[in-house]
């Protein structure tokens, strides 16, 4: 139900969504990946709606920023592991 409301809002008012809101939707989608089949379907529809309706000038920088944070976090984990147990990240 909540996902349908979000999808309807995005369809009705796509310019209302900023970078922070889009990132929350993507994070919600990633966090719900182990949910039920119905929930997964609803979330997939929401993310597809984001891809179709969100402004590219907002969506692309948001996803690039998320990617940069992910890479930075992976690098931090590799550094920590390298110093603690001799693990080397490629």
PDB file of N, CA and C in Angstrom:
ATOM      1  N   UNK A   1       0.818  -1.191   0.000  1.00  0.00           N
ATOM      2  CA  UNK A   1       0.000   0.000   0.000  1.00  0.00           C
ATOM      3  C   UNK A   1       0.867   1.262   0.000  1.00  0.00           C
ATOM      4  N   UNK A   2       1.836   1.326   0.904  1.00  0.00           N
ATOM      5  CA  UNK A   2       2.693   2.507   0.991  1.00  0.00           C
ATOM      6  C   UNK A   2       3.493   2.683  -0.295  1.00  0.00           C
ATOM      7  N   UNK A   3       3.966   1.586  -0.832  1.00  0.00           N
ATOM      8  CA  UNK A   3       4.748   1.650  -2.063  1.00  0.00           C
ATOM      9  C   UNK A   3       3.887   2.164  -3.209  1.00  0.00           C
ATOM     10  N   UNK A   4       2.623   1.762  -3.244  1.00  0.00           N
ATOM     11  CA  UNK A   4       1.712   2.250  -4.285  1.00  0.00           C
ATOM     12  C   UNK A   4       1.497   3.756  -4.162  1.00  0.00           C
ATOM     13  N   UNK A   5       1.401   4.245  -2.932  1.00  0.00           N
ATOM     14  CA  UNK A   5       1.235   5.683  -2.716  1.00  0.00           C
ATOM     15  C   UNK A   5       2.467   6.431  -3.217  1.00  0.00           C
ATOM     16  N   UNK A   6       3.648   5.919  -2.887  1.00  0.00           N
ATOM     17  CA  UNK A   6       4.884   6.542  -3.366  1.00  0.00           C
ATOM     18  C   UNK A   6       4.946   6.550  -4.888  1.00  0.00           C
ATOM     19  N   UNK A   7       4.573   5.428  -5.485  1.00  0.00           N
ATOM     20  CA  UNK A   7       4.582   5.333  -6.947  1.00  0.00           C
ATOM     21  C   UNK A   7       3.598   6.321  -7.568  1.00  0.00           C
ATOM     22  N   UNK A   8       2.415   6.447  -6.975  1.00  0.00           N
ATOM     23  CA  UNK A   8       1.423   7.395  -7.482  1.00  0.00           C
ATOM     24  C   UNK A   8       1.902   8.835  -7.337  1.00  0.00           C
ATOM     25  N   UNK A   9       2.556   9.144  -6.219  1.00  0.00           N
ATOM     26  CA  UNK A   9       3.115  10.484  -6.037  1.00  0.00           C
ATOM     27  C   UNK A   9       4.174  10.780  -7.086  1.00  0.00           C
ATOM     28  N   UNK A  10       5.022   9.825  -7.338  1.00  0.00           N
ATOM     29  CA  UNK A  10       6.074  10.028  -8.325  1.00  0.00           C
ATOM     30  C   UNK A  10       5.488  10.204  -9.721  1.00  0.00           C
ATOM     31  N   UNK A  11       4.449   9.466 -10.024  1.00  0.00           N
ATOM     32  CA  UNK A  11       3.798   9.593 -11.326  1.00  0.00           C
ATOM     33  C   UNK A  11       3.096  10.946 -11.453  1.00  0.00           C
ATOM     34  N   UNK A  12       2.449  11.383 -10.377  1.00  0.00           N
ATOM     35  CA  UNK A  12       1.686  12.633 -10.418  1.00  0.00           C
ATOM     36  C   UNK A  12       2.571  13.871 -10.362  1.00  0.00           C
ATOM     37  N   UNK A  13       3.595  13.827  -9.510  1.00  0.00           N
ATOM     38  CA  UNK A  13       4.425  15.019  -9.278  1.00  0.00           C
ATOM     39  C   UNK A  13       5.905  14.631  -9.338  1.00  0.00           C
ATOM     40  N   UNK A  14       6.421  14.338 -10.522  1.00  0.00           N
ATOM     41  CA  UNK A  14       7.815  13.871 -10.596  1.00  0.00           C
ATOM     42  C   UNK A  14       8.836  14.932 -10.183  1.00  0.00           C
ATOM     43  N   UNK A  15       8.497  16.211 -10.334  1.00  0.00           N
ATOM     44  CA  UNK A  15       9.456  17.260  -9.975  1.00  0.00           C
ATOM     45  C   UNK A  15       9.524  17.491  -8.466  1.00  0.00           C
ATOM     46  N   UNK A  16       8.616  16.900  -7.723  1.00  0.00           N
ATOM     47  CA  UNK A  16       8.592  17.021  -6.272  1.00  0.00           C
ATOM     48  C   UNK A  16       9.750  16.267  -5.631  1.00  0.00           C
ATOM     49  N   UNK A  17      10.293  15.294  -6.335  1.00  0.00           N
ATOM     50  CA  UNK A  17      11.303  14.397  -5.792  1.00  0.00           C
ATOM     51  C   UNK A  17      12.701  14.960  -6.003  1.00  0.00           C
ATOM     52  N   UNK A  18      13.419  15.095  -4.906  1.00  0.00           N
ATOM     53  CA  UNK A  18      14.800  15.555  -4.969  1.00  0.00           C
ATOM     54  C   UNK A  18      15.765  14.389  -4.817  1.00  0.00           C
ATOM     55  N   UNK A  19      17.032  14.729  -4.785  1.00  0.00           N
ATOM     56  CA  UNK A  19      18.082  13.710  -4.689  1.00  0.00           C
ATOM     57  C   UNK A  19      17.936  12.859  -3.423  1.00  0.00           C
ATOM     58  N   UNK A  20      17.672  13.495  -2.303  1.00  0.00           N
ATOM     59  CA  UNK A  20      17.561  12.763  -1.034  1.00  0.00           C
ATOM     60  C   UNK A  20      16.410  11.760  -1.065  1.00  0.00           C
ATOM     61  N   UNK A  21      15.269  12.176  -1.613  1.00  0.00           N
ATOM     62  CA  UNK A  21      14.106  11.282  -1.669  1.00  0.00           C
ATOM     63  C   UNK A  21      14.361  10.098  -2.599  1.00  0.00           C
ATOM     64  N   UNK A  22      14.995  10.359  -3.725  1.00  0.00           N
ATOM     65  CA  UNK A  22      15.290   9.268  -4.664  1.00  0.00           C
ATOM     66  C   UNK A  22      16.275   8.275  -4.051  1.00  0.00           C
ATOM     67  N   UNK A  23      17.260   8.782  -3.327  1.00  0.00           N
ATOM     68  CA  UNK A  23      18.210   7.890  -2.669  1.00  0.00           C
ATOM     69  C   UNK A  23      17.530   7.039  -1.608  1.00  0.00           C
ATOM     70  N   UNK A  24      16.565   7.606  -0.918  1.00  0.00           N
ATOM     71  CA  UNK A  24      15.819   6.832   0.074  1.00  0.00           C
ATOM     72  C   UNK A  24      15.040   5.699  -0.581  1.00  0.00           C
ATOM     73  N   UNK A  25      14.480   5.968  -1.747  1.00  0.00           N
ATOM     74  CA  UNK A  25      13.745   4.923  -2.471  1.00  0.00           C
ATOM     75  C   UNK A  25      14.700   3.811  -2.898  1.00  0.00           C
ATOM     76  N   UNK A  26      15.860   4.173  -3.421  1.00  0.00           N
ATOM     77  CA  UNK A  26      16.838   3.165  -3.849  1.00  0.00           C
ATOM     78  C   UNK A  26      17.322   2.346  -2.654  1.00  0.00           C
ATOM     79  N   UNK A  27      17.606   3.015  -1.551  1.00  0.00           N
ATOM     80  CA  UNK A  27      18.054   2.295  -0.349  1.00  0.00           C
ATOM     81  C   UNK A  27      16.957   1.381   0.183  1.00  0.00           C
ATOM     82  N   UNK A  28      15.721   1.846   0.143  1.00  0.00           N
ATOM     83  CA  UNK A  28      14.588   1.014   0.558  1.00  0.00           C
ATOM     84  C   UNK A  28      14.488  -0.219  -0.326  1.00  0.00           C
ATOM     85  N   UNK A  29      14.676  -0.030  -1.622  1.00  0.00           N
ATOM     86  CA  UNK A  29      14.637  -1.147  -2.560  1.00  0.00           C
ATOM     87  C   UNK A  29      15.743  -2.164  -2.239  1.00  0.00           C
ATOM     88  N   UNK A  30      16.942  -1.671  -1.998  1.00  0.00           N
ATOM     89  CA  UNK A  30      18.060  -2.571  -1.687  1.00  0.00           C
ATOM     90  C   UNK A  30      17.842  -3.284  -0.358  1.00  0.00           C
ATOM     91  N   UNK A  31      17.294  -2.585   0.619  1.00  0.00           N
ATOM     92  CA  UNK A  31      17.039  -3.190   1.928  1.00  0.00           C
ATOM     93  C   UNK A  31      15.916  -4.222   1.877  1.00  0.00           C
ATOM     94  N   UNK A  32      14.995  -4.074   0.941  1.00  0.00           N
ATOM     95  CA  UNK A  32      13.855  -4.984   0.877  1.00  0.00           C
ATOM     96  C   UNK A  32      14.100  -6.180  -0.038  1.00  0.00           C
ATOM     97  N   UNK A  33      15.316  -6.371  -0.464  1.00  0.00           N
ATOM     98  CA  UNK A  33      15.598  -7.443  -1.426  1.00  0.00           C
ATOM     99  C   UNK A  33      15.338  -8.836  -0.860  1.00  0.00           C
ATOM    100  N   UNK A  34      15.313  -8.967   0.458  1.00  0.00           N
ATOM    101  CA  UNK A  34      15.038 -10.276   1.051  1.00  0.00           C
ATOM    102  C   UNK A  34      13.592 -10.405   1.533  1.00  0.00           C
ATOM    103  N   UNK A  35      12.725  -9.536   1.064  1.00  0.00           N
ATOM    104  CA  UNK A  35      11.317  -9.553   1.464  1.00  0.00           C
ATOM    105  C   UNK A  35      10.502 -10.560   0.682  1.00  0.00           C
ATOM    106  N   UNK A  36       9.201 -10.493   0.850  1.00  0.00           N
ATOM    107  CA  UNK A  36       8.294 -11.407   0.165  1.00  0.00           C
ATOM    108  C   UNK A  36       8.261 -11.111  -1.331  1.00  0.00           C
ATOM    109  N   UNK A  37       7.707 -12.029  -2.079  1.00  0.00           N
ATOM    110  CA  UNK A  37       7.615 -11.869  -3.533  1.00  0.00           C
ATOM    111  C   UNK A  37       6.720 -10.682  -3.889  1.00  0.00           C
ATOM    112  N   UNK A  38       5.621 -10.511  -3.156  1.00  0.00           N
ATOM    113  CA  UNK A  38       4.714  -9.389  -3.413  1.00  0.00           C
ATOM    114  C   UNK A  38       5.411  -8.065  -3.139  1.00  0.00           C
ATOM    115  N   UNK A  39       6.118  -8.000  -2.014  1.00  0.00           N
ATOM    116  CA  UNK A  39       6.841  -6.775  -1.656  1.00  0.00           C
ATOM    117  C   UNK A  39       7.927  -6.485  -2.688  1.00  0.00           C
ATOM    118  N   UNK A  40       8.606  -7.516  -3.124  1.00  0.00           N
ATOM    119  CA  UNK A  40       9.667  -7.351  -4.118  1.00  0.00           C
ATOM    120  C   UNK A  40       9.107  -6.823  -5.434  1.00  0.00           C
ATOM    121  N   UNK A  41       7.958  -7.330  -5.843  1.00  0.00           N
ATOM    122  CA  UNK A  41       7.316  -6.869  -7.073  1.00  0.00           C
ATOM    123  C   UNK A  41       6.921  -5.408  -6.960  1.00  0.00           C
ATOM    124  N   UNK A  42       6.330  -5.035  -5.829  1.00  0.00           N
ATOM    125  CA  UNK A  42       5.923  -3.644  -5.613  1.00  0.00           C
ATOM    126  C   UNK A  42       7.134  -2.714  -5.634  1.00  0.00           C
ATOM    127  N   UNK A  43       8.211  -3.124  -4.976  1.00  0.00           N
ATOM    128  CA  UNK A  43       9.415  -2.297  -4.935  1.00  0.00           C
ATOM    129  C   UNK A  43      10.040  -2.184  -6.325  1.00  0.00           C
ATOM    130  N   UNK A  44      10.026  -3.268  -7.088  1.00  0.00           N
ATOM    131  CA  UNK A  44      10.556  -3.226  -8.454  1.00  0.00           C
ATOM    132  C   UNK A  44       9.768  -2.245  -9.313  1.00  0.00           C
ATOM    133  N   UNK A  45       8.447  -2.249  -9.156  1.00  0.00           N
ATOM    134  CA  UNK A  45       7.614  -1.296  -9.897  1.00  0.00           C
ATOM    135  C   UNK A  45       7.928   0.140  -9.487  1.00  0.00           C
ATOM    136  N   UNK A  46       8.170   0.361  -8.201  1.00  0.00           N
ATOM    137  CA  UNK A  46       8.508   1.703  -7.729  1.00  0.00           C
ATOM    138  C   UNK A  46       9.834   2.168  -8.328  1.00  0.00           C
ATOM    139  N   UNK A  47      10.825   1.307  -8.328  1.00  0.00           N
ATOM    140  CA  UNK A  47      12.136   1.685  -8.867  1.00  0.00           C
ATOM    141  C   UNK A  47      12.045   1.919 -10.380  1.00  0.00           C
ATOM    142  N   UNK A  48      11.253   1.128 -11.069  1.00  0.00           N
ATOM    143  CA  UNK A  48      11.054   1.358 -12.508  1.00  0.00           C
ATOM    144  C   UNK A  48      10.371   2.701 -12.751  1.00  0.00           C
ATOM    145  N   UNK A  49       9.423   3.038 -11.888  1.00  0.00           N
ATOM    146  CA  UNK A  49       8.753   4.327 -12.015  1.00  0.00           C
ATOM    147  C   UNK A  49       9.735   5.464 -11.769  1.00  0.00           C
ATOM    148  N   UNK A  50      10.619   5.293 -10.786  1.00  0.00           N
ATOM    149  CA  UNK A  50      11.658   6.300 -10.534  1.00  0.00           C
ATOM    150  C   UNK A  50      12.512   6.483 -11.781  1.00  0.00           C
ATOM    151  N   UNK A  51      12.917   5.377 -12.385  1.00  0.00           N
ATOM    152  CA  UNK A  51      13.777   5.448 -13.574  1.00  0.00           C
ATOM    153  C   UNK A  51      13.070   6.151 -14.737  1.00  0.00           C
ATOM    154  N   UNK A  52      11.770   5.943 -14.852  1.00  0.00           N
ATOM    155  CA  UNK A  52      11.027   6.540 -15.959  1.00  0.00           C
ATOM    156  C   UNK A  52      10.614   7.982 -15.706  1.00  0.00           C
ATOM    157  N   UNK A  53      10.240   8.301 -14.467  1.00  0.00           N
ATOM    158  CA  UNK A  53       9.593   9.585 -14.197  1.00  0.00           C
ATOM    159  C   UNK A  53      10.483  10.643 -13.545  1.00  0.00           C
ATOM    160  N   UNK A  54      11.502  10.222 -12.821  1.00  0.00           N
ATOM    161  CA  UNK A  54      12.340  11.203 -12.125  1.00  0.00           C
ATOM    162  C   UNK A  54      13.169  11.991 -13.130  1.00  0.00           C
ATOM    163  N   UNK A  55      13.443  13.210 -12.788  1.00  0.00           N
ATOM    164  CA  UNK A  55      14.248  14.061 -13.651  1.00  0.00           C
ATOM    165  C   UNK A  55      15.676  13.521 -13.730  1.00  0.00           C
ATOM    166  N   UNK A  56      16.193  13.359 -14.946  1.00  0.00           N
ATOM    167  CA  UNK A  56      17.571  12.866 -15.076  1.00  0.00           C
ATOM    168  C   UNK A  56      18.588  13.788 -14.414  1.00  0.00           C
ATOM    169  N   UNK A  57      18.266  15.076 -14.327  1.00  0.00           N
ATOM    170  CA  UNK A  57      19.202  16.006 -13.693  1.00  0.00           C
ATOM    171  C   UNK A  57      19.263  15.804 -12.181  1.00  0.00           C
ATOM    172  N   UNK A  58      18.296  15.093 -11.633  1.00  0.00           N
ATOM    173  CA  UNK A  58      18.300  14.761 -10.211  1.00  0.00           C
ATOM    174  C   UNK A  58      18.736  13.307 -10.004  1.00  0.00           C
ATOM    175  N   UNK A  59      18.212  12.416 -10.832  1.00  0.00           N
ATOM    176  CA  UNK A  59      18.459  10.985 -10.655  1.00  0.00           C
ATOM    177  C   UNK A  59      19.921  10.605 -10.892  1.00  0.00           C
ATOM    178  N   UNK A  60      20.502  11.067 -11.966  1.00  0.00           N
ATOM    179  CA  UNK A  60      21.873  10.670 -12.281  1.00  0.00           C
ATOM    180  C   UNK A  60      22.890  11.136 -11.243  1.00  0.00           C
ATOM    181  N   UNK A  61      22.853  12.404 -10.812  1.00  0.00           N
ATOM    182  CA  UNK A  61      23.780  12.792  -9.741  1.00  0.00           C
ATOM    183  C   UNK A  61      23.552  12.010  -8.438  1.00  0.00           C
ATOM    184  N   UNK A  62      22.289  11.697  -8.145  1.00  0.00           N
ATOM    185  CA  UNK A  62      21.989  10.936  -6.928  1.00  0.00           C
ATOM    186  C   UNK A  62      22.614   9.553  -6.989  1.00  0.00           C
ATOM    187  N   UNK A  63      22.457   8.881  -8.120  1.00  0.00           N
ATOM    188  CA  UNK A  63      23.024   7.539  -8.264  1.00  0.00           C
ATOM    189  C   UNK A  63      24.544   7.568  -8.312  1.00  0.00           C
ATOM    190  N   UNK A  64      25.108   8.588  -8.951  1.00  0.00           N
ATOM    191  CA  UNK A  64      26.572   8.716  -8.978  1.00  0.00           C
ATOM    192  C   UNK A  64      27.111   8.953  -7.573  1.00  0.00           C
ATOM    193  N   UNK A  65      26.430   9.792  -6.804  1.00  0.00           N
ATOM    194  CA  UNK A  65      26.849  10.036  -5.429  1.00  0.00           C
ATOM    195  C   UNK A  65      26.763   8.780  -4.580  1.00  0.00           C
ATOM    196  N   UNK A  66      25.707   8.007  -4.786  1.00  0.00           N
ATOM    197  CA  UNK A  66      25.554   6.758  -4.047  1.00  0.00           C
ATOM    198  C   UNK A  66      26.672   5.784  -4.410  1.00  0.00           C
ATOM    199  N   UNK A  67      27.013   5.719  -5.682  1.00  0.00           N
ATOM    200  CA  UNK A  67      28.078   4.843  -6.148  1.00  0.00           C
ATOM    201  C   UNK A  67      29.419   5.259  -5.541  1.00  0.00           C
ATOM    202  N   UNK A  68      29.698   6.568  -5.508  1.00  0.00           N
ATOM    203  CA  UNK A  68      30.954   7.060  -4.937  1.00  0.00           C
ATOM    204  C   UNK A  68      31.055   6.715  -3.453  1.00  0.00           C
ATOM    205  N   UNK A  69      29.943   6.852  -2.713  1.00  0.00           N
ATOM    206  CA  UNK A  69      29.943   6.494  -1.294  1.00  0.00           C
ATOM    207  C   UNK A  69      30.202   5.007  -1.110  1.00  0.00           C
ATOM    208  N   UNK A  70      29.603   4.195  -1.975  1.00  0.00           N
ATOM    209  CA  UNK A  70      29.786   2.749  -1.883  1.00  0.00           C
ATOM    210  C   UNK A  70      31.245   2.379  -2.123  1.00  0.00           C
ATOM    211  N   UNK A  71      31.853   2.962  -3.140  1.00  0.00           N
ATOM    212  CA  UNK A  71      33.255   2.685  -3.444  1.00  0.00           C
ATOM    213  C   UNK A  71      34.146   3.128  -2.280  1.00  0.00           C
ATOM    214  N   UNK A  72      33.859   4.297  -1.714  1.00  0.00           N
ATOM    215  CA  UNK A  72      34.657   4.799  -0.590  1.00  0.00           C
ATOM    216  C   UNK A  72      34.529   3.871   0.615  1.00  0.00           C
ATOM    217  N   UNK A  73      33.326   3.371   0.869  1.00  0.00           N
ATOM    218  CA  UNK A  73      33.129   2.457   1.997  1.00  0.00           C
ATOM    219  C   UNK A  73      33.848   1.135   1.779  1.00  0.00           C
ATOM    220  N   UNK A  74      33.839   0.634   0.567  1.00  0.00           N
ATOM    221  CA  UNK A  74      34.552  -0.606   0.261  1.00  0.00           C
ATOM    222  C   UNK A  74      36.054  -0.391   0.453  1.00  0.00           C
ATOM    223  N   UNK A  75      36.548   0.752   0.015  1.00  0.00           N
ATOM    224  CA  UNK A  75      37.974   1.058   0.177  1.00  0.00           C
ATOM    225  C   UNK A  75      38.340   1.127   1.656  1.00  0.00           C
ATOM    226  N   UNK A  76      37.481   1.725   2.486  1.00  0.00           N
ATOM    227  CA  UNK A  76      37.742   1.801   3.926  1.00  0.00           C
ATOM    228  C   UNK A  76      37.794   0.410   4.535  1.00  0.00           C
ATOM    229  N   UNK A  77      36.869  -0.442   4.140  1.00  0.00           N
ATOM    230  CA  UNK A  77      36.841  -1.805   4.661  1.00  0.00           C
ATOM    231  C   UNK A  77      38.121  -2.537   4.256  1.00  0.00           C
ATOM    232  N   UNK A  78      38.555  -2.359   3.034  1.00  0.00           N
ATOM    233  CA  UNK A  78      39.776  -3.019   2.569  1.00  0.00           C
ATOM    234  C   UNK A  78      40.983  -2.532   3.357  1.00  0.00           C
ATOM    235  N   UNK A  79      41.055  -1.248   3.643  1.00  0.00           N
ATOM    236  CA  UNK A  79      42.172  -0.704   4.407  1.00  0.00           C
ATOM    237  C   UNK A  79      42.160  -1.274   5.825  1.00  0.00           C
ATOM    238  N   UNK A  80      40.994  -1.317   6.431  1.00  0.00           N
ATOM    239  CA  UNK A  80      40.888  -1.864   7.783  1.00  0.00           C
ATOM    240  C   UNK A  80      41.322  -3.320   7.788  1.00  0.00           C
ATOM    241  N   UNK A  81      40.835  -4.108   6.855  1.00  0.00           N
ATOM    242  CA  UNK A  81      41.204  -5.515   6.787  1.00  0.00           C
ATOM    243  C   UNK A  81      42.686  -5.673   6.493  1.00  0.00           C
ATOM    244  N   UNK A  82      43.227  -4.856   5.658  1.00  0.00           N
ATOM    245  CA  UNK A  82      44.640  -4.945   5.285  1.00  0.00           C
ATOM    246  C   UNK A  82      45.529  -4.729   6.515  1.00  0.00           C
ATOM    247  N   UNK A  83      45.153  -3.795   7.360  1.00  0.00           N
ATOM    248  CA  UNK A  83      45.953  -3.486   8.544  1.00  0.00           C
ATOM    249  C   UNK A  83      45.747  -4.524   9.647  1.00  0.00           C
ATOM    250  N   UNK A  84      44.581  -5.113   9.723  1.00  0.00           N
ATOM    251  CA  UNK A  84      44.296  -6.004  10.837  1.00  0.00           C
ATOM    252  C   UNK A  84      44.708  -7.448  10.575  1.00  0.00           C
ATOM    253  N   UNK A  85      44.453  -7.959   9.377  1.00  0.00           N
ATOM    254  CA  UNK A  85      44.719  -9.376   9.164  1.00  0.00           C
ATOM    255  C   UNK A  85      45.507  -9.650   7.902  1.00  0.00           C
ATOM    256  N   UNK A  86      46.047  -8.631   7.292  1.00  0.00           N
ATOM    257  CA  UNK A  86      46.856  -8.831   6.100  1.00  0.00           C
ATOM    258  C   UNK A  86      46.059  -9.090   4.841  1.00  0.00           C
ATOM    259  N   UNK A  87      44.792  -8.734   4.836  1.00  0.00           N
ATOM    260  CA  UNK A  87      43.933  -8.933   3.673  1.00  0.00           C
ATOM    261  C   UNK A  87      44.225  -7.841   2.649  1.00  0.00           C
ATOM    262  N   UNK A  88      44.402  -8.208   1.396  1.00  0.00           N
ATOM    263  CA  UNK A  88      44.707  -7.220   0.358  1.00  0.00           C
ATOM    264  C   UNK A  88      43.550  -7.168  -0.621  1.00  0.00           C
ATOM    265  N   UNK A  89      43.037  -5.974  -0.831  1.00  0.00           N
ATOM    266  CA  UNK A  89      41.936  -5.778  -1.773  1.00  0.00           C
ATOM    267  C   UNK A  89      42.498  -5.379  -3.127  1.00  0.00           C
ATOM    268  N   UNK A  90      41.891  -5.905  -4.146  1.00  0.00           N
ATOM    269  CA  UNK A  90      42.347  -5.536  -5.488  1.00  0.00           C
ATOM    270  C   UNK A  90      41.525  -4.405  -6.023  1.00  0.00           C
TER     271      UNK A  90
END
